[in-house]
C-alpha cells in the first residue's frame, strides 16, 4: 500500500459554554478521513451535545447525545446517549468513567468507559 493509502486524519471543532455557576454546555463536530478496507477512503462525521453539572469541588457529572455517520461505510447512522462522571484527583489529573448507550440499532447496546487525563 502506498503512503497515500495509509493517510488518515480529521478535524474537531469544540464548543464550551458556562450556563450558570456549576452548569456547562458543550458540543463538538468532527470530520474524519478514514480508510475502509477494501473500499478505500471516506469521510465520517460525528456530533455531540453535552450538559455538565458540578456535584462537589472535585466531582462532576454529564449527559450527552452523540451521533456518527459514515456514508462510504455502507452502515446506518449511529446514535447514543452517554452518561458519566469525572473526578479531579489532584490539579492536572482527572479520572472519567461512565457508559455509552445505543439509541439506534446500528449502535452498540452499551459501552462502559474509563479514562484518565493528565495535564502537565
PDB file of N, CA and C in Angstrom:
ATOM      1  N   UNK A   1       0.835  -1.168   0.000  1.00  0.00           N
ATOM      2  CA  UNK A   1       0.000   0.000   0.000  1.00  0.00           C
ATOM      3  C   UNK A   1       0.890   1.244   0.000  1.00  0.00           C
ATOM      4  N   UNK A   2       0.526   2.225  -0.789  1.00  0.00           N
ATOM      5  CA  UNK A   2       1.310   3.457  -0.864  1.00  0.00           C
ATOM      6  C   UNK A   2       1.129   4.287   0.401  1.00  0.00           C
ATOM      7  N   UNK A   3       2.013   5.276   0.552  1.00  0.00           N
ATOM      8  CA  UNK A   3       1.918   6.170   1.705  1.00  0.00           C
ATOM      9  C   UNK A   3       0.585   6.909   1.699  1.00  0.00           C
ATOM     10  N   UNK A   4       0.082   7.296   0.523  1.00  0.00           N
ATOM     11  CA  UNK A   4      -1.212   7.973   0.438  1.00  0.00           C
ATOM     12  C   UNK A   4      -2.336   7.046   0.869  1.00  0.00           C
ATOM     13  N   UNK A   5      -2.198   5.741   0.629  1.00  0.00           N
ATOM     14  CA  UNK A   5      -3.217   4.786   1.034  1.00  0.00           C
ATOM     15  C   UNK A   5      -3.324   4.658   2.542  1.00  0.00           C
ATOM     16  N   UNK A   6      -2.281   5.027   3.251  1.00  0.00           N
ATOM     17  CA  UNK A   6      -2.273   4.947   4.713  1.00  0.00           C
ATOM     18  C   UNK A   6      -2.715   6.267   5.364  1.00  0.00           C
ATOM     19  N   UNK A   7      -2.927   7.306   4.575  1.00  0.00           N
ATOM     20  CA  UNK A   7      -3.250   8.629   5.095  1.00  0.00           C
ATOM     21  C   UNK A   7      -4.619   8.648   5.762  1.00  0.00           C
ATOM     22  N   UNK A   8      -4.660   9.163   6.991  1.00  0.00           N
ATOM     23  CA  UNK A   8      -5.888   9.336   7.758  1.00  0.00           C
ATOM     24  C   UNK A   8      -5.766  10.642   8.526  1.00  0.00           C
ATOM     25  N   UNK A   9      -6.877  11.254   8.845  1.00  0.00           N
ATOM     26  CA  UNK A   9      -6.822  12.488   9.618  1.00  0.00           C
ATOM     27  C   UNK A   9      -8.208  12.986   9.935  1.00  0.00           C
ATOM     28  N   UNK A  10      -8.261  14.111  10.625  1.00  0.00           N
ATOM     29  CA  UNK A  10      -9.564  14.649  10.977  1.00  0.00           C
ATOM     30  C   UNK A  10      -9.471  16.053  11.533  1.00  0.00           C
ATOM     31  N   UNK A  11     -10.627  16.629  11.735  1.00  0.00           N
ATOM     32  CA  UNK A  11     -10.752  17.975  12.279  1.00  0.00           C
ATOM     33  C   UNK A  11     -11.872  17.955  13.314  1.00  0.00           C
ATOM     34  N   UNK A  12     -11.596  18.499  14.497  1.00  0.00           N
ATOM     35  CA  UNK A  12     -12.591  18.594  15.558  1.00  0.00           C
ATOM     36  C   UNK A  12     -12.775  20.066  15.900  1.00  0.00           C
ATOM     37  N   UNK A  13     -14.030  20.504  15.972  1.00  0.00           N
ATOM     38  CA  UNK A  13     -14.348  21.877  16.359  1.00  0.00           C
ATOM     39  C   UNK A  13     -15.181  21.814  17.640  1.00  0.00           C
ATOM     40  N   UNK A  14     -14.556  22.093  18.807  1.00  0.00           N
ATOM     41  CA  UNK A  14     -15.278  22.027  20.083  1.00  0.00           C
ATOM     42  C   UNK A  14     -15.890  23.369  20.471  1.00  0.00           C
ATOM     43  N   UNK A  15     -16.871  23.301  21.362  1.00  0.00           N
ATOM     44  CA  UNK A  15     -17.510  24.495  21.909  1.00  0.00           C
ATOM     45  C   UNK A  15     -17.824  24.216  23.372  1.00  0.00           C
ATOM     46  N   UNK A  16     -17.531  25.152  24.254  1.00  0.00           N
ATOM     47  CA  UNK A  16     -17.846  25.015  25.683  1.00  0.00           C
ATOM     48  C   UNK A  16     -18.396  26.337  26.191  1.00  0.00           C
ATOM     49  N   UNK A  17     -19.520  26.268  26.897  1.00  0.00           N
ATOM     50  CA  UNK A  17     -20.188  27.466  27.418  1.00  0.00           C
ATOM     51  C   UNK A  17     -20.559  27.228  28.876  1.00  0.00           C
ATOM     52  N   UNK A  18     -20.282  28.186  29.752  1.00  0.00           N
ATOM     53  CA  UNK A  18     -20.759  28.111  31.132  1.00  0.00           C
ATOM     54  C   UNK A  18     -22.160  28.704  31.153  1.00  0.00           C
ATOM     55  N   UNK A  19     -23.136  27.907  31.537  1.00  0.00           N
ATOM     56  CA  UNK A  19     -24.524  28.368  31.547  1.00  0.00           C
ATOM     57  C   UNK A  19     -24.841  29.169  32.800  1.00  0.00           C
ATOM     58  N   UNK A  20     -24.484  28.642  33.930  1.00  0.00           N
ATOM     59  CA  UNK A  20     -24.687  29.259  35.244  1.00  0.00           C
ATOM     60  C   UNK A  20     -23.626  28.646  36.139  1.00  0.00           C
ATOM     61  N   UNK A  21     -23.403  29.177  37.312  1.00  0.00           N
ATOM     62  CA  UNK A  21     -22.396  28.564  38.181  1.00  0.00           C
ATOM     63  C   UNK A  21     -22.674  27.068  38.383  1.00  0.00           C
ATOM     64  N   UNK A  22     -21.668  26.237  38.038  1.00  0.00           N
ATOM     65  CA  UNK A  22     -21.785  24.801  38.203  1.00  0.00           C
ATOM     66  C   UNK A  22     -22.400  24.052  37.033  1.00  0.00           C
ATOM     67  N   UNK A  23     -22.911  24.758  36.032  1.00  0.00           N
ATOM     68  CA  UNK A  23     -23.533  24.126  34.859  1.00  0.00           C
ATOM     69  C   UNK A  23     -22.741  24.482  33.601  1.00  0.00           C
ATOM     70  N   UNK A  24     -22.586  23.520  32.705  1.00  0.00           N
ATOM     71  CA  UNK A  24     -21.889  23.788  31.440  1.00  0.00           C
ATOM     72  C   UNK A  24     -22.611  23.108  30.289  1.00  0.00           C
ATOM     73  N   UNK A  25     -22.435  23.663  29.119  1.00  0.00           N
ATOM     74  CA  UNK A  25     -22.968  23.106  27.882  1.00  0.00           C
ATOM     75  C   UNK A  25     -21.813  23.011  26.903  1.00  0.00           C
ATOM     76  N   UNK A  26     -21.673  21.883  26.293  1.00  0.00           N
ATOM     77  CA  UNK A  26     -20.583  21.706  25.345  1.00  0.00           C
ATOM     78  C   UNK A  26     -21.062  20.955  24.128  1.00  0.00           C
ATOM     79  N   UNK A  27     -20.232  20.957  23.137  1.00  0.00           N
ATOM     80  CA  UNK A  27     -20.531  20.220  21.920  1.00  0.00           C
ATOM     81  C   UNK A  27     -19.323  20.212  21.021  1.00  0.00           C
ATOM     82  N   UNK A  28     -19.392  19.356  20.052  1.00  0.00           N
ATOM     83  CA  UNK A  28     -18.327  19.356  19.056  1.00  0.00           C
ATOM     84  C   UNK A  28     -18.855  18.729  17.786  1.00  0.00           C
ATOM     85  N   UNK A  29     -18.240  19.119  16.711  1.00  0.00           N
ATOM     86  CA  UNK A  29     -18.459  18.467  15.433  1.00  0.00           C
ATOM     87  C   UNK A  29     -17.100  17.980  14.962  1.00  0.00           C
ATOM     88  N   UNK A  30     -17.105  16.833  14.335  1.00  0.00           N
ATOM     89  CA  UNK A  30     -15.855  16.177  13.953  1.00  0.00           C
ATOM     90  C   UNK A  30     -16.015  15.587  12.559  1.00  0.00           C
ATOM     91  N   UNK A  31     -15.006  15.774  11.735  1.00  0.00           N
ATOM     92  CA  UNK A  31     -14.952  15.174  10.404  1.00  0.00           C
ATOM     93  C   UNK A  31     -13.637  14.416  10.308  1.00  0.00           C
ATOM     94  N   UNK A  32     -13.719  13.150   9.942  1.00  0.00           N
ATOM     95  CA  UNK A  32     -12.530  12.306   9.828  1.00  0.00           C
ATOM     96  C   UNK A  32     -12.418  11.723   8.428  1.00  0.00           C
ATOM     97  N   UNK A  33     -11.197  11.631   7.922  1.00  0.00           N
ATOM     98  CA  UNK A  33     -10.864  10.959   6.662  1.00  0.00           C
ATOM     99  C   UNK A  33     -10.298   9.601   7.076  1.00  0.00           C
ATOM    100  N   UNK A  34     -11.035   8.534   6.793  1.00  0.00           N
ATOM    101  CA  UNK A  34     -10.673   7.206   7.292  1.00  0.00           C
ATOM    102  C   UNK A  34     -10.506   6.222   6.138  1.00  0.00           C
ATOM    103  N   UNK A  35      -9.908   5.092   6.435  1.00  0.00           N
ATOM    104  CA  UNK A  35      -9.699   4.045   5.435  1.00  0.00           C
ATOM    105  C   UNK A  35     -10.664   2.895   5.695  1.00  0.00           C
ATOM    106  N   UNK A  36     -11.394   2.488   4.652  1.00  0.00           N
ATOM    107  CA  UNK A  36     -12.275   1.328   4.715  1.00  0.00           C
ATOM    108  C   UNK A  36     -11.649   0.236   3.866  1.00  0.00           C
ATOM    109  N   UNK A  37     -11.367  -0.883   4.491  1.00  0.00           N
ATOM    110  CA  UNK A  37     -10.751  -1.985   3.764  1.00  0.00           C
ATOM    111  C   UNK A  37     -11.827  -2.905   3.246  1.00  0.00           C
ATOM    112  N   UNK A  38     -11.945  -3.213   1.998  1.00  0.00           N
ATOM    113  CA  UNK A  38     -11.084  -2.846   0.876  1.00  0.00           C
ATOM    114  C   UNK A  38     -11.612  -1.678   0.055  1.00  0.00           C
ATOM    115  N   UNK A  39     -12.646  -0.975   0.544  1.00  0.00           N
ATOM    116  CA  UNK A  39     -13.337   0.035  -0.257  1.00  0.00           C
ATOM    117  C   UNK A  39     -12.555   1.323  -0.473  1.00  0.00           C
ATOM    118  N   UNK A  40     -11.491   1.548   0.252  1.00  0.00           N
ATOM    119  CA  UNK A  40     -10.738   2.790   0.104  1.00  0.00           C
ATOM    120  C   UNK A  40     -11.052   3.762   1.219  1.00  0.00           C
ATOM    121  N   UNK A  41     -10.981   5.051   0.905  1.00  0.00           N
ATOM    122  CA  UNK A  41     -11.163   6.095   1.912  1.00  0.00           C
ATOM    123  C   UNK A  41     -12.559   6.702   1.857  1.00  0.00           C
ATOM    124  N   UNK A  42     -12.943   7.334   2.960  1.00  0.00           N
ATOM    125  CA  UNK A  42     -14.210   8.041   3.018  1.00  0.00           C
ATOM    126  C   UNK A  42     -14.256   8.946   4.226  1.00  0.00           C
ATOM    127  N   UNK A  43     -15.288   9.776   4.263  1.00  0.00           N
ATOM    128  CA  UNK A  43     -15.469  10.714   5.371  1.00  0.00           C
ATOM    129  C   UNK A  43     -16.428  10.139   6.403  1.00  0.00           C
ATOM    130  N   UNK A  44     -16.166  10.444   7.673  1.00  0.00           N
ATOM    131  CA  UNK A  44     -17.085  10.147   8.769  1.00  0.00           C
ATOM    132  C   UNK A  44     -17.345  11.449   9.505  1.00  0.00           C
ATOM    133  N   UNK A  45     -18.618  11.691   9.886  1.00  0.00           N
ATOM    134  CA  UNK A  45     -18.997  12.875  10.637  1.00  0.00           C
ATOM    135  C   UNK A  45     -19.524  12.463  11.986  1.00  0.00           C
ATOM    136  N   UNK A  46     -19.161  13.218  13.012  1.00  0.00           N
ATOM    137  CA  UNK A  46     -19.671  12.969  14.355  1.00  0.00           C
ATOM    138  C   UNK A  46     -20.033  14.277  15.026  1.00  0.00           C
ATOM    139  N   UNK A  47     -21.076  14.242  15.843  1.00  0.00           N
ATOM    140  CA  UNK A  47     -21.518  15.427  16.575  1.00  0.00           C
ATOM    141  C   UNK A  47     -21.925  15.016  17.981  1.00  0.00           C
ATOM    142  N   UNK A  48     -21.646  15.877  18.945  1.00  0.00           N
ATOM    143  CA  UNK A  48     -22.075  15.653  20.322  1.00  0.00           C
ATOM    144  C   UNK A  48     -22.632  16.937  20.909  1.00  0.00           C
ATOM    145  N   UNK A  49     -23.542  16.764  21.864  1.00  0.00           N
ATOM    146  CA  UNK A  49     -24.048  17.860  22.695  1.00  0.00           C
ATOM    147  C   UNK A  49     -24.020  17.337  24.120  1.00  0.00           C
ATOM    148  N   UNK A  50     -23.366  18.083  25.021  1.00  0.00           N
ATOM    149  CA  UNK A  50     -23.134  17.616  26.382  1.00  0.00           C
ATOM    150  C   UNK A  50     -23.600  18.653  27.400  1.00  0.00           C
ATOM    151  N   UNK A  51     -24.303  18.178  28.423  1.00  0.00           N
ATOM    152  CA  UNK A  51     -24.702  19.020  29.546  1.00  0.00           C
ATOM    153  C   UNK A  51     -23.975  18.514  30.784  1.00  0.00           C
ATOM    154  N   UNK A  52     -23.221  19.404  31.434  1.00  0.00           N
ATOM    155  CA  UNK A  52     -22.444  19.018  32.609  1.00  0.00           C
ATOM    156  C   UNK A  52     -22.877  19.761  33.854  1.00  0.00           C
ATOM    157  N   UNK A  53     -22.651  19.111  35.002  1.00  0.00           N
ATOM    158  CA  UNK A  53     -23.014  19.720  36.285  1.00  0.00           C
ATOM    159  C   UNK A  53     -21.970  19.376  37.327  1.00  0.00           C
ATOM    160  N   UNK A  54     -21.432  20.401  38.014  1.00  0.00           N
ATOM    161  CA  UNK A  54     -20.550  20.169  39.152  1.00  0.00           C
ATOM    162  C   UNK A  54     -21.377  19.594  40.292  1.00  0.00           C
ATOM    163  N   UNK A  55     -20.866  18.532  40.924  1.00  0.00           N
ATOM    164  CA  UNK A  55     -21.542  17.911  42.059  1.00  0.00           C
ATOM    165  C   UNK A  55     -20.885  18.378  43.360  1.00  0.00           C
ATOM    166  N   UNK A  56     -19.572  18.317  43.406  1.00  0.00           N
ATOM    167  CA  UNK A  56     -18.780  18.847  44.516  1.00  0.00           C
ATOM    168  C   UNK A  56     -17.601  19.584  43.893  1.00  0.00           C
ATOM    169  N   UNK A  57     -16.648  19.979  44.711  1.00  0.00           N
ATOM    170  CA  UNK A  57     -15.470  20.669  44.184  1.00  0.00           C
ATOM    171  C   UNK A  57     -14.663  19.777  43.239  1.00  0.00           C
ATOM    172  N   UNK A  58     -14.662  18.452  43.470  1.00  0.00           N
ATOM    173  CA  UNK A  58     -13.850  17.534  42.664  1.00  0.00           C
ATOM    174  C   UNK A  58     -14.661  16.602  41.775  1.00  0.00           C
ATOM    175  N   UNK A  59     -15.946  16.495  42.007  1.00  0.00           N
ATOM    176  CA  UNK A  59     -16.807  15.586  41.233  1.00  0.00           C
ATOM    177  C   UNK A  59     -17.741  16.361  40.319  1.00  0.00           C
ATOM    178  N   UNK A  60     -17.958  15.816  39.123  1.00  0.00           N
ATOM    179  CA  UNK A  60     -18.921  16.391  38.188  1.00  0.00           C
ATOM    180  C   UNK A  60     -19.583  15.244  37.426  1.00  0.00           C
ATOM    181  N   UNK A  61     -20.737  15.514  36.873  1.00  0.00           N
ATOM    182  CA  UNK A  61     -21.439  14.525  36.068  1.00  0.00           C
ATOM    183  C   UNK A  61     -21.836  15.131  34.735  1.00  0.00           C
ATOM    184  N   UNK A  62     -22.142  14.276  33.772  1.00  0.00           N
ATOM    185  CA  UNK A  62     -22.568  14.779  32.468  1.00  0.00           C
ATOM    186  C   UNK A  62     -23.495  13.788  31.784  1.00  0.00           C
ATOM    187  N   UNK A  63     -24.337  14.343  30.907  1.00  0.00           N
ATOM    188  CA  UNK A  63     -25.130  13.554  29.979  1.00  0.00           C
ATOM    189  C   UNK A  63     -24.816  14.084  28.592  1.00  0.00           C
ATOM    190  N   UNK A  64     -24.940  13.216  27.605  1.00  0.00           N
ATOM    191  CA  UNK A  64     -24.521  13.603  26.265  1.00  0.00           C
ATOM    192  C   UNK A  64     -25.338  12.842  25.228  1.00  0.00           C
ATOM    193  N   UNK A  65     -25.626  13.510  24.132  1.00  0.00           N
ATOM    194  CA  UNK A  65     -26.179  12.867  22.947  1.00  0.00           C
ATOM    195  C   UNK A  65     -25.100  12.902  21.875  1.00  0.00           C
ATOM    196  N   UNK A  66     -24.904  11.778  21.201  1.00  0.00           N
ATOM    197  CA  UNK A  66     -23.863  11.695  20.185  1.00  0.00           C
ATOM    198  C   UNK A  66     -24.423  11.017  18.938  1.00  0.00           C
ATOM    199  N   UNK A  67     -23.963  11.452  17.787  1.00  0.00           N
ATOM    200  CA  UNK A  67     -24.362  10.855  16.511  1.00  0.00           C
ATOM    201  C   UNK A  67     -23.141  10.735  15.618  1.00  0.00           C
ATOM    202  N   UNK A  68     -23.099   9.667  14.828  1.00  0.00           N
ATOM    203  CA  UNK A  68     -21.992   9.436  13.900  1.00  0.00           C
ATOM    204  C   UNK A  68     -22.557   8.853  12.619  1.00  0.00           C
ATOM    205  N   UNK A  69     -22.082   9.366  11.496  1.00  0.00           N
ATOM    206  CA  UNK A  69     -22.500   8.858  10.196  1.00  0.00           C
ATOM    207  C   UNK A  69     -21.267   8.687   9.318  1.00  0.00           C
ATOM    208  N   UNK A  70     -21.252   7.574   8.582  1.00  0.00           N
ATOM    209  CA  UNK A  70     -20.136   7.250   7.694  1.00  0.00           C
ATOM    210  C   UNK A  70     -20.720   6.740   6.371  1.00  0.00           C
ATOM    211  N   UNK A  71     -21.093   7.646   5.471  1.00  0.00           N
ATOM    212  CA  UNK A  71     -21.788   7.238   4.246  1.00  0.00           C
ATOM    213  C   UNK A  71     -21.050   6.187   3.412  1.00  0.00           C
ATOM    214  N   UNK A  72     -19.738   6.302   3.281  1.00  0.00           N
ATOM    215  CA  UNK A  72     -18.995   5.373   2.441  1.00  0.00           C
ATOM    216  C   UNK A  72     -18.873   3.980   3.054  1.00  0.00           C
ATOM    217  N   UNK A  73     -19.136   3.852   4.359  1.00  0.00           N
ATOM    218  CA  UNK A  73     -19.020   2.550   5.017  1.00  0.00           C
ATOM    219  C   UNK A  73     -20.199   1.646   4.695  1.00  0.00           C
ATOM    220  N   UNK A  74     -21.307   2.230   4.254  1.00  0.00           N
ATOM    221  CA  UNK A  74     -22.499   1.450   3.991  1.00  0.00           C
ATOM    222  C   UNK A  74     -23.313   1.156   5.247  1.00  0.00           C
ATOM    223  N   UNK A  75     -22.863   1.650   6.409  1.00  0.00           N
ATOM    224  CA  UNK A  75     -23.567   1.419   7.663  1.00  0.00           C
ATOM    225  C   UNK A  75     -24.528   2.569   7.951  1.00  0.00           C
ATOM    226  N   UNK A  76     -25.652   2.285   8.628  1.00  0.00           N
ATOM    227  CA  UNK A  76     -26.559   3.374   9.003  1.00  0.00           C
ATOM    228  C   UNK A  76     -25.947   4.246  10.092  1.00  0.00           C
ATOM    229  N   UNK A  77     -26.521   5.422  10.299  1.00  0.00           N
ATOM    230  CA  UNK A  77     -26.007   6.332  11.316  1.00  0.00           C
ATOM    231  C   UNK A  77     -26.134   5.690  12.690  1.00  0.00           C
ATOM    232  N   UNK A  78     -25.254   6.111  13.587  1.00  0.00           N
ATOM    233  CA  UNK A  78     -25.258   5.609  14.953  1.00  0.00           C
ATOM    234  C   UNK A  78     -25.601   6.740  15.904  1.00  0.00           C
ATOM    235  N   UNK A  79     -26.534   6.475  16.811  1.00  0.00           N
ATOM    236  CA  UNK A  79     -26.891   7.441  17.838  1.00  0.00           C
ATOM    237  C   UNK A  79     -26.705   6.816  19.201  1.00  0.00           C
ATOM    238  N   UNK A  80     -26.287   7.631  20.158  1.00  0.00           N
ATOM    239  CA  UNK A  80     -26.098   7.106  21.510  1.00  0.00           C
ATOM    240  C   UNK A  80     -26.374   8.176  22.545  1.00  0.00           C
ATOM    241  N   UNK A  81     -26.740   7.709  23.751  1.00  0.00           N
ATOM    242  CA  UNK A  81     -26.927   8.532  24.929  1.00  0.00           C
ATOM    243  C   UNK A  81     -25.804   8.150  25.882  1.00  0.00           C
ATOM    244  N   UNK A  82     -25.066   9.136  26.371  1.00  0.00           N
ATOM    245  CA  UNK A  82     -23.910   8.878  27.230  1.00  0.00           C
ATOM    246  C   UNK A  82     -24.166   9.475  28.611  1.00  0.00           C
ATOM    247  N   UNK A  83     -23.682   8.774  29.612  1.00  0.00           N
ATOM    248  CA  UNK A  83     -23.811   9.205  30.993  1.00  0.00           C
ATOM    249  C   UNK A  83     -22.481   8.947  31.678  1.00  0.00           C
ATOM    250  N   UNK A  84     -21.958   9.945  32.391  1.00  0.00           N
ATOM    251  CA  UNK A  84     -20.670   9.727  33.035  1.00  0.00           C
ATOM    252  C   UNK A  84     -20.374  10.706  34.147  1.00  0.00           C
ATOM    253  N   UNK A  85     -19.237  10.456  34.794  1.00  0.00           N
ATOM    254  CA  UNK A  85     -18.771  11.267  35.910  1.00  0.00           C
ATOM    255  C   UNK A  85     -17.282  11.544  35.743  1.00  0.00           C
ATOM    256  N   UNK A  86     -16.842  12.655  36.316  1.00  0.00           N
ATOM    257  CA  UNK A  86     -15.418  12.972  36.352  1.00  0.00           C
ATOM    258  C   UNK A  86     -15.024  13.232  37.800  1.00  0.00           C
ATOM    259  N   UNK A  87     -13.791  12.874  38.102  1.00  0.00           N
ATOM    260  CA  UNK A  87     -13.233  13.095  39.440  1.00  0.00           C
ATOM    261  C   UNK A  87     -11.853  13.697  39.270  1.00  0.00           C
ATOM    262  N   UNK A  88     -11.649  14.886  39.831  1.00  0.00           N
ATOM    263  CA  UNK A  88     -10.344  15.532  39.794  1.00  0.00           C
ATOM    264  C   UNK A  88      -9.545  15.029  40.990  1.00  0.00           C
ATOM    265  N   UNK A  89      -8.628  14.096  40.738  1.00  0.00           N
ATOM    266  CA  UNK A  89      -7.816  13.503  41.798  1.00  0.00           C
ATOM    267  C   UNK A  89      -6.890  14.541  42.429  1.00  0.00           C
ATOM    268  N   UNK A  90      -6.324  15.382  41.589  1.00  0.00           N
ATOM    269  CA  UNK A  90      -5.487  16.500  42.025  1.00  0.00           C
ATOM    270  C   UNK A  90      -5.376  17.441  40.834  1.00  0.00           C
ATOM    271  N   UNK A  91      -4.807  18.585  41.015  1.00  0.00           N
ATOM    272  CA  UNK A  91      -4.680  19.544  39.924  1.00  0.00           C
ATOM    273  C   UNK A  91      -3.962  18.895  38.741  1.00  0.00           C
ATOM    274  N   UNK A  92      -4.601  18.905  37.593  1.00  0.00           N
ATOM    275  CA  UNK A  92      -3.996  18.344  36.393  1.00  0.00           C
ATOM    276  C   UNK A  92      -4.206  16.856  36.185  1.00  0.00           C
ATOM    277  N   UNK A  93      -4.890  16.177  37.109  1.00  0.00           N
ATOM    278  CA  UNK A  93      -5.112  14.736  36.981  1.00  0.00           C
ATOM    279  C   UNK A  93      -6.599  14.436  37.183  1.00  0.00           C
ATOM    280  N   UNK A  94      -7.248  13.917  36.144  1.00  0.00           N
ATOM    281  CA  UNK A  94      -8.687  13.676  36.193  1.00  0.00           C
ATOM    282  C   UNK A  94      -9.018  12.267  35.713  1.00  0.00           C
ATOM    283  N   UNK A  95      -9.931  11.619  36.398  1.00  0.00           N
ATOM    284  CA  UNK A  95     -10.448  10.312  36.029  1.00  0.00           C
ATOM    285  C   UNK A  95     -11.884  10.501  35.554  1.00  0.00           C
ATOM    286  N   UNK A  96     -12.247   9.875  34.446  1.00  0.00           N
ATOM    287  CA  UNK A  96     -13.636   9.933  34.000  1.00  0.00           C
ATOM    288  C   UNK A  96     -14.115   8.517  33.704  1.00  0.00           C
ATOM    289  N   UNK A  97     -15.401   8.276  33.967  1.00  0.00           N
ATOM    290  CA  UNK A  97     -15.972   6.951  33.771  1.00  0.00           C
ATOM    291  C   UNK A  97     -17.465   7.075  33.540  1.00  0.00           C
ATOM    292  N   UNK A  98     -18.017   6.078  32.888  1.00  0.00           N
ATOM    293  CA  UNK A  98     -19.442   6.082  32.603  1.00  0.00           C
ATOM    294  C   UNK A  98     -19.784   5.019  31.596  1.00  0.00           C
ATOM    295  N   UNK A  99     -20.863   5.256  30.834  1.00  0.00           N
ATOM    296  CA  UNK A  99     -21.305   4.274  29.854  1.00  0.00           C
ATOM    297  C   UNK A  99     -22.009   4.970  28.696  1.00  0.00           C
ATOM    298  N   UNK A 100     -21.765   4.469  27.497  1.00  0.00           N
ATOM    299  CA  UNK A 100     -22.476   4.895  26.296  1.00  0.00           C
ATOM    300  C   UNK A 100     -23.595   3.891  26.048  1.00  0.00           C
ATOM    301  N   UNK A 101     -24.803   4.376  25.743  1.00  0.00           N
ATOM    302  CA  UNK A 101     -25.948   3.514  25.475  1.00  0.00           C
ATOM    303  C   UNK A 101     -26.459   3.784  24.063  1.00  0.00           C
ATOM    304  N   UNK A 102     -26.540   2.747  23.241  1.00  0.00           N
ATOM    305  CA  UNK A 102     -27.022   2.902  21.878  1.00  0.00           C
ATOM    306  C   UNK A 102     -28.492   3.240  21.835  1.00  0.00           C
ATOM    307  N   UNK A 103     -28.870   4.204  20.988  1.00  0.00           N
ATOM    308  CA  UNK A 103     -30.277   4.549  20.801  1.00  0.00           C
ATOM    309  C   UNK A 103     -30.726   4.273  19.369  1.00  0.00           C
ATOM    310  N   UNK A 104     -29.806   3.776  18.542  1.00  0.00           N
ATOM    311  CA  UNK A 104     -30.177   3.289  17.212  1.00  0.00           C
ATOM    312  C   UNK A 104     -29.725   1.834  17.118  1.00  0.00           C
ATOM    313  N   UNK A 105     -30.339   1.076  16.221  1.00  0.00           N
ATOM    314  CA  UNK A 105     -29.986  -0.345  16.075  1.00  0.00           C
ATOM    315  C   UNK A 105     -28.531  -0.542  15.659  1.00  0.00           C
ATOM    316  N   UNK A 106     -27.972   0.415  14.940  1.00  0.00           N
ATOM    317  CA  UNK A 106     -26.604   0.274  14.438  1.00  0.00           C
ATOM    318  C   UNK A 106     -25.546   0.563  15.507  1.00  0.00           C
ATOM    319  N   UNK A 107     -25.942   1.173  16.618  1.00  0.00           N
ATOM    320  CA  UNK A 107     -25.003   1.490  17.706  1.00  0.00           C
ATOM    321  C   UNK A 107     -24.909   0.301  18.662  1.00  0.00           C
ATOM    322  N   UNK A 108     -23.752   0.113  19.299  1.00  0.00           N
ATOM    323  CA  UNK A 108     -23.651  -0.935  20.324  1.00  0.00           C
ATOM    324  C   UNK A 108     -24.674  -0.680  21.435  1.00  0.00           C
ATOM    325  N   UNK A 109     -25.187  -1.742  22.059  1.00  0.00           N
ATOM    326  CA  UNK A 109     -26.178  -1.593  23.131  1.00  0.00           C
ATOM    327  C   UNK A 109     -25.636  -0.757  24.282  1.00  0.00           C
ATOM    328  N   UNK A 110     -24.403  -1.061  24.712  1.00  0.00           N
ATOM    329  CA  UNK A 110     -23.761  -0.271  25.763  1.00  0.00           C
ATOM    330  C   UNK A 110     -22.248  -0.471  25.695  1.00  0.00           C
ATOM    331  N   UNK A 111     -21.526   0.569  26.067  1.00  0.00           N
ATOM    332  CA  UNK A 111     -20.064   0.527  26.089  1.00  0.00           C
ATOM    333  C   UNK A 111     -19.595   1.271  27.336  1.00  0.00           C
ATOM    334  N   UNK A 112     -19.186   0.553  28.386  1.00  0.00           N
ATOM    335  CA  UNK A 112     -18.624   1.237  29.554  1.00  0.00           C
ATOM    336  C   UNK A 112     -17.258   1.838  29.203  1.00  0.00           C
ATOM    337  N   UNK A 113     -16.902   2.941  29.851  1.00  0.00           N
ATOM    338  CA  UNK A 113     -15.607   3.546  29.576  1.00  0.00           C
ATOM    339  C   UNK A 113     -14.950   4.036  30.865  1.00  0.00           C
ATOM    340  N   UNK A 114     -13.644   4.127  30.800  1.00  0.00           N
ATOM    341  CA  UNK A 114     -12.821   4.642  31.884  1.00  0.00           C
ATOM    342  C   UNK A 114     -11.683   5.412  31.239  1.00  0.00           C
ATOM    343  N   UNK A 115     -11.464   6.640  31.648  1.00  0.00           N
ATOM    344  CA  UNK A 115     -10.420   7.458  31.043  1.00  0.00           C
ATOM    345  C   UNK A 115      -9.608   8.196  32.086  1.00  0.00           C
ATOM    346  N   UNK A 116      -8.436   8.603  31.682  1.00  0.00           N
ATOM    347  CA  UNK A 116      -7.521   9.342  32.541  1.00  0.00           C
ATOM    348  C   UNK A 116      -6.962  10.516  31.746  1.00  0.00           C
ATOM    349  N   UNK A 117      -7.035  11.702  32.298  1.00  0.00           N
ATOM    350  CA  UNK A 117      -6.472  12.889  31.689  1.00  0.00           C
ATOM    351  C   UNK A 117      -5.394  13.437  32.599  1.00  0.00           C
ATOM    352  N   UNK A 118      -4.220  13.661  32.041  1.00  0.00           N
ATOM    353  CA  UNK A 118      -3.100  14.227  32.792  1.00  0.00           C
ATOM    354  C   UNK A 118      -2.613  15.462  32.059  1.00  0.00           C
ATOM    355  N   UNK A 119      -2.762  16.598  32.678  1.00  0.00           N
ATOM    356  CA  UNK A 119      -2.285  17.863  32.108  1.00  0.00           C
ATOM    357  C   UNK A 119      -0.967  18.217  32.779  1.00  0.00           C
ATOM    358  N   UNK A 120       0.031  18.493  31.979  1.00  0.00           N
ATOM    359  CA  UNK A 120       1.348  18.798  32.535  1.00  0.00           C
ATOM    360  C   UNK A 120       1.798  20.176  32.120  1.00  0.00           C
TER     361      UNK A 120
END
